[in-house]
């Protein structure tokens, strides 16, 4: 696993061996956790519809 700040700096972490990571963060801190060797696409964009469904939250 790779643990980095949003700016790309590595963050120290410990693999607890049970499928969890231990990450020390200051209050308000943020990290990105992703598989090693994979650069995630962090762009916020619309997701294509995979199957039509009923509308929700909008007037009919």
C-alpha atoms as a PDB file:
ATOM      1  CA  UNK A   1       0.000   0.000   0.000  1.00  0.00           C
ATOM      2  CA  UNK A   2       1.020   3.572  -0.607  1.00  0.00           C
ATOM      3  CA  UNK A   3       0.039   6.308   1.840  1.00  0.00           C
ATOM      4  CA  UNK A   4       0.603   9.891   0.692  1.00  0.00           C
ATOM      5  CA  UNK A   5      -0.565  13.407   1.410  1.00  0.00           C
ATOM      6  CA  UNK A   6      -2.726  15.062  -1.248  1.00  0.00           C
ATOM      7  CA  UNK A   7       0.484  16.886  -2.311  1.00  0.00           C
ATOM      8  CA  UNK A   8       2.170  13.510  -2.965  1.00  0.00           C
ATOM      9  CA  UNK A   9       4.499  13.320   0.049  1.00  0.00           C
ATOM     10  CA  UNK A  10       4.857   9.865   1.633  1.00  0.00           C
ATOM     11  CA  UNK A  11       3.248   9.353   5.047  1.00  0.00           C
ATOM     12  CA  UNK A  12       4.674   6.875   7.577  1.00  0.00           C
ATOM     13  CA  UNK A  13       2.260   4.030   8.380  1.00  0.00           C
ATOM     14  CA  UNK A  14       2.218   0.575   9.912  1.00  0.00           C
ATOM     15  CA  UNK A  15       0.614  -2.519   8.428  1.00  0.00           C
ATOM     16  CA  UNK A  16      -1.119  -4.200  11.365  1.00  0.00           C
ATOM     17  CA  UNK A  17      -1.182  -7.519   9.539  1.00  0.00           C
ATOM     18  CA  UNK A  18      -4.933  -7.960   9.797  1.00  0.00           C
ATOM     19  CA  UNK A  19      -5.907  -6.002   6.699  1.00  0.00           C
ATOM     20  CA  UNK A  20      -5.712  -2.607   8.413  1.00  0.00           C
ATOM     21  CA  UNK A  21      -3.164   0.207   8.407  1.00  0.00           C
ATOM     22  CA  UNK A  22      -2.252   2.430  11.327  1.00  0.00           C
ATOM     23  CA  UNK A  23      -1.646   6.040  10.242  1.00  0.00           C
ATOM     24  CA  UNK A  24      -0.772   8.860  12.647  1.00  0.00           C
ATOM     25  CA  UNK A  25      -2.451  12.068  11.506  1.00  0.00           C
ATOM     26  CA  UNK A  26      -2.704  15.505  13.007  1.00  0.00           C
ATOM     27  CA  UNK A  27      -6.226  16.814  13.488  1.00  0.00           C
ATOM     28  CA  UNK A  28      -7.572  17.817  10.080  1.00  0.00           C
ATOM     29  CA  UNK A  29      -4.864  15.840   8.269  1.00  0.00           C
ATOM     30  CA  UNK A  30      -5.611  14.011   5.035  1.00  0.00           C
ATOM     31  CA  UNK A  31      -3.977  11.092   3.246  1.00  0.00           C
ATOM     32  CA  UNK A  32      -4.577   9.043   0.129  1.00  0.00           C
ATOM     33  CA  UNK A  33      -4.289   5.261   0.477  1.00  0.00           C
ATOM     34  CA  UNK A  34      -3.940   3.236  -2.710  1.00  0.00           C
ATOM     35  CA  UNK A  35      -2.192   0.128  -4.038  1.00  0.00           C
ATOM     36  CA  UNK A  36       1.546   0.542  -4.548  1.00  0.00           C
ATOM     37  CA  UNK A  37       2.466   1.277  -8.166  1.00  0.00           C
ATOM     38  CA  UNK A  38      -1.014   2.578  -9.036  1.00  0.00           C
ATOM     39  CA  UNK A  39      -1.701   6.281  -9.495  1.00  0.00           C
ATOM     40  CA  UNK A  40      -5.389   6.889  -8.791  1.00  0.00           C
ATOM     41  CA  UNK A  41      -7.411   9.287 -10.947  1.00  0.00           C
ATOM     42  CA  UNK A  42      -8.524  11.913  -8.427  1.00  0.00           C
ATOM     43  CA  UNK A  43     -10.629  13.960 -10.844  1.00  0.00           C
ATOM     44  CA  UNK A  44     -14.223  14.601  -9.803  1.00  0.00           C
ATOM     45  CA  UNK A  45     -16.354  13.987 -12.879  1.00  0.00           C
ATOM     46  CA  UNK A  46     -19.689  12.495 -13.905  1.00  0.00           C
ATOM     47  CA  UNK A  47     -19.969   8.722 -13.855  1.00  0.00           C
ATOM     48  CA  UNK A  48     -21.591   7.039 -16.868  1.00  0.00           C
ATOM     49  CA  UNK A  49     -24.922   5.322 -16.198  1.00  0.00           C
ATOM     50  CA  UNK A  50     -24.426   1.556 -16.149  1.00  0.00           C
ATOM     51  CA  UNK A  51     -28.131   0.716 -15.860  1.00  0.00           C
ATOM     52  CA  UNK A  52     -31.161   3.053 -16.090  1.00  0.00           C
ATOM     53  CA  UNK A  53     -32.971   3.575 -12.812  1.00  0.00           C
ATOM     54  CA  UNK A  54     -35.687   5.636 -11.208  1.00  0.00           C
ATOM     55  CA  UNK A  55     -34.862   9.306 -10.615  1.00  0.00           C
ATOM     56  CA  UNK A  56     -34.448  10.401  -7.013  1.00  0.00           C
ATOM     57  CA  UNK A  57     -34.225  13.764  -5.332  1.00  0.00           C
ATOM     58  CA  UNK A  58     -35.681  15.577  -8.360  1.00  0.00           C
ATOM     59  CA  UNK A  59     -39.279  16.488  -9.117  1.00  0.00           C
ATOM     60  CA  UNK A  60     -40.933  14.123 -11.580  1.00  0.00           C
END
